[in-house]
Amino acid sequence: MGTGAADQSPLPIKLLHDRVLVQADGPDGERRSTGGIVIPATAEVGRRLVWAEVVATGPNVRTFAIGDRVLYEPEDRGEVELRGKAYVLLRERDVHAVAAASVSDDSTGLYL
């Protein structure tokens, strides 16, 4: 399912093995709760996972493809800057989940 970065990505990088390059959804700053309360970046939160979009994959990545949204732990990352944008470099095994486009009617009701 994964394709090499040189095949589809306009970025000047070719990822090797099971590496995945993602771009985080938002800045690592303030967040808002569903009730509208502002949570400062300095607030203590236990092990918060982050959503990101896959922008490039190595040739051995099988689980997801470019354009998928994935969930990962920020502590398991290596940051890199390409063409003025910040990206996160992960291994395929460091990704905890892939966002589903939809949930089918015959699902078990279990979800992350």
Protein backbone atom coordinates (compact mmCIF):
# COMPACT_ATOMS: atom_id res chain seq x y z
CA MET A 1 0.00 0.00 0.00
CA GLY A 2 2.90 2.40 0.74
CA THR A 3 4.73 4.05 -2.08
CA GLY A 4 8.14 5.59 -2.16
CA ALA A 5 8.53 9.29 -1.53
CA ALA A 6 10.25 9.81 -4.87
CA ASP A 7 7.21 8.40 -6.69
CA GLN A 8 4.46 10.74 -5.46
CA SER A 9 5.93 13.34 -3.12
CA PRO A 10 7.21 16.69 -4.40
CA LEU A 11 9.56 16.89 -1.41
CA PRO A 12 13.33 16.65 -2.00
CA ILE A 13 13.72 13.48 0.05
CA LYS A 14 13.59 9.72 -0.51
CA LEU A 15 12.68 7.79 2.62
CA LEU A 16 14.22 4.41 3.27
CA HIS A 17 12.89 1.17 4.76
CA ASP A 18 9.81 1.64 7.00
CA ARG A 19 10.15 5.38 7.55
CA VAL A 20 7.16 7.73 7.37
CA LEU A 21 7.24 11.52 7.03
CA VAL A 22 4.20 13.30 8.49
CA GLN A 23 3.05 16.86 8.96
CA ALA A 24 1.28 17.57 12.26
CA ASP A 25 -2.26 18.94 12.04
CA GLY A 26 -1.71 22.02 14.17
CA PRO A 27 0.88 23.98 16.09
CA ASP A 28 2.11 22.66 19.44
CA GLY A 29 0.51 25.55 21.25
CA GLU A 30 -2.80 26.29 22.89
CA ARG A 31 -5.75 23.98 22.43
CA ARG A 32 -9.46 24.46 23.03
CA SER A 33 -11.69 22.02 24.82
CA THR A 34 -15.03 21.06 23.30
CA GLY A 35 -16.61 23.55 25.70
CA GLY A 36 -14.42 26.38 24.37
CA ILE A 37 -11.99 26.56 27.29
CA VAL A 38 -8.44 27.52 26.24
CA ILE A 39 -5.81 25.00 27.41
CA PRO A 40 -2.32 26.56 27.42
CA ALA A 41 0.64 24.72 25.87
CA THR A 42 2.27 24.51 29.31
CA ALA A 43 -0.63 22.54 30.87
CA GLU A 44 0.33 19.11 32.17
CA VAL A 45 -1.39 16.42 30.14
CA GLY A 46 -0.72 12.73 30.43
CA ARG A 47 0.66 11.11 27.28
CA ARG A 48 -1.29 13.00 24.63
CA LEU A 49 -1.22 11.56 21.10
CA VAL A 50 -1.13 13.75 17.96
CA TRP A 51 -2.84 13.49 14.55
CA ALA A 52 -0.79 14.13 11.41
CA GLU A 53 -1.00 13.69 7.64
CA VAL A 54 1.36 11.29 5.85
CA VAL A 55 3.34 13.21 3.21
CA ALA A 56 5.93 10.55 2.23
CA THR A 57 6.63 6.89 2.90
CA GLY A 58 9.53 4.51 2.52
CA PRO A 59 9.31 1.48 0.19
CA ASN A 60 8.59 -1.00 3.02
CA VAL A 61 5.56 0.80 4.51
CA ARG A 62 2.48 -1.44 4.10
CA THR A 63 -0.15 -0.09 6.50
CA PHE A 64 -0.96 3.35 5.09
CA ALA A 65 -0.34 5.66 2.13
CA ILE A 66 0.39 9.30 1.39
CA GLY A 67 -2.57 11.47 2.41
CA ASP A 68 -3.73 9.25 5.30
CA ARG A 69 -4.19 10.73 8.78
CA VAL A 70 -2.26 8.87 11.46
CA LEU A 71 -2.02 9.02 15.25
CA TYR A 72 1.40 8.98 16.94
CA GLU A 73 3.06 9.84 20.23
CA PRO A 74 5.06 13.10 20.04
CA GLU A 75 7.89 11.71 22.19
CA ASP A 76 8.65 9.03 19.54
CA ARG A 77 9.60 11.50 16.83
CA GLY A 78 12.46 13.10 14.99
CA GLU A 79 11.83 16.52 13.48
CA VAL A 80 13.16 17.72 10.12
CA GLU A 81 12.66 20.94 8.16
CA LEU A 82 12.22 20.81 4.38
CA ARG A 83 11.55 23.87 2.23
CA GLY A 84 10.73 25.92 5.32
CA LYS A 85 8.12 23.52 6.71
CA ALA A 86 8.46 21.31 9.78
CA TYR A 87 7.88 17.57 9.40
CA VAL A 88 8.10 14.59 11.75
CA LEU A 89 10.00 11.42 10.84
CA LEU A 90 8.60 8.17 12.29
CA ARG A 91 8.93 4.45 11.85
CA GLU A 92 5.85 2.56 10.71
CA ARG A 93 5.69 0.78 14.09
CA ASP A 94 5.53 4.16 15.91
CA VAL A 95 2.12 4.94 14.37
CA HIS A 96 -0.72 3.89 16.68
CA ALA A 97 -3.72 4.27 14.35
CA VAL A 98 -4.89 5.34 10.90
CA ALA A 99 -8.06 7.41 10.59
CA ALA A 100 -10.87 5.55 8.83
CA ALA A 101 -12.76 7.31 6.05
CA SER A 102 -15.99 5.88 7.45
CA VAL A 103 -17.23 3.17 9.78
CA SER A 104 -19.17 0.38 8.09
CA ASP A 105 -22.57 -0.76 9.37
CA ASP A 106 -21.29 -4.26 10.09
CA SER A 107 -18.59 -3.04 12.47
CA THR A 108 -18.27 -4.58 15.91
CA GLY A 109 -18.74 -1.29 17.69
CA LEU A 110 -15.17 -1.34 18.96
CA TYR A 111 -12.99 1.64 18.17
CA LEU A 112 -9.89 3.44 19.42
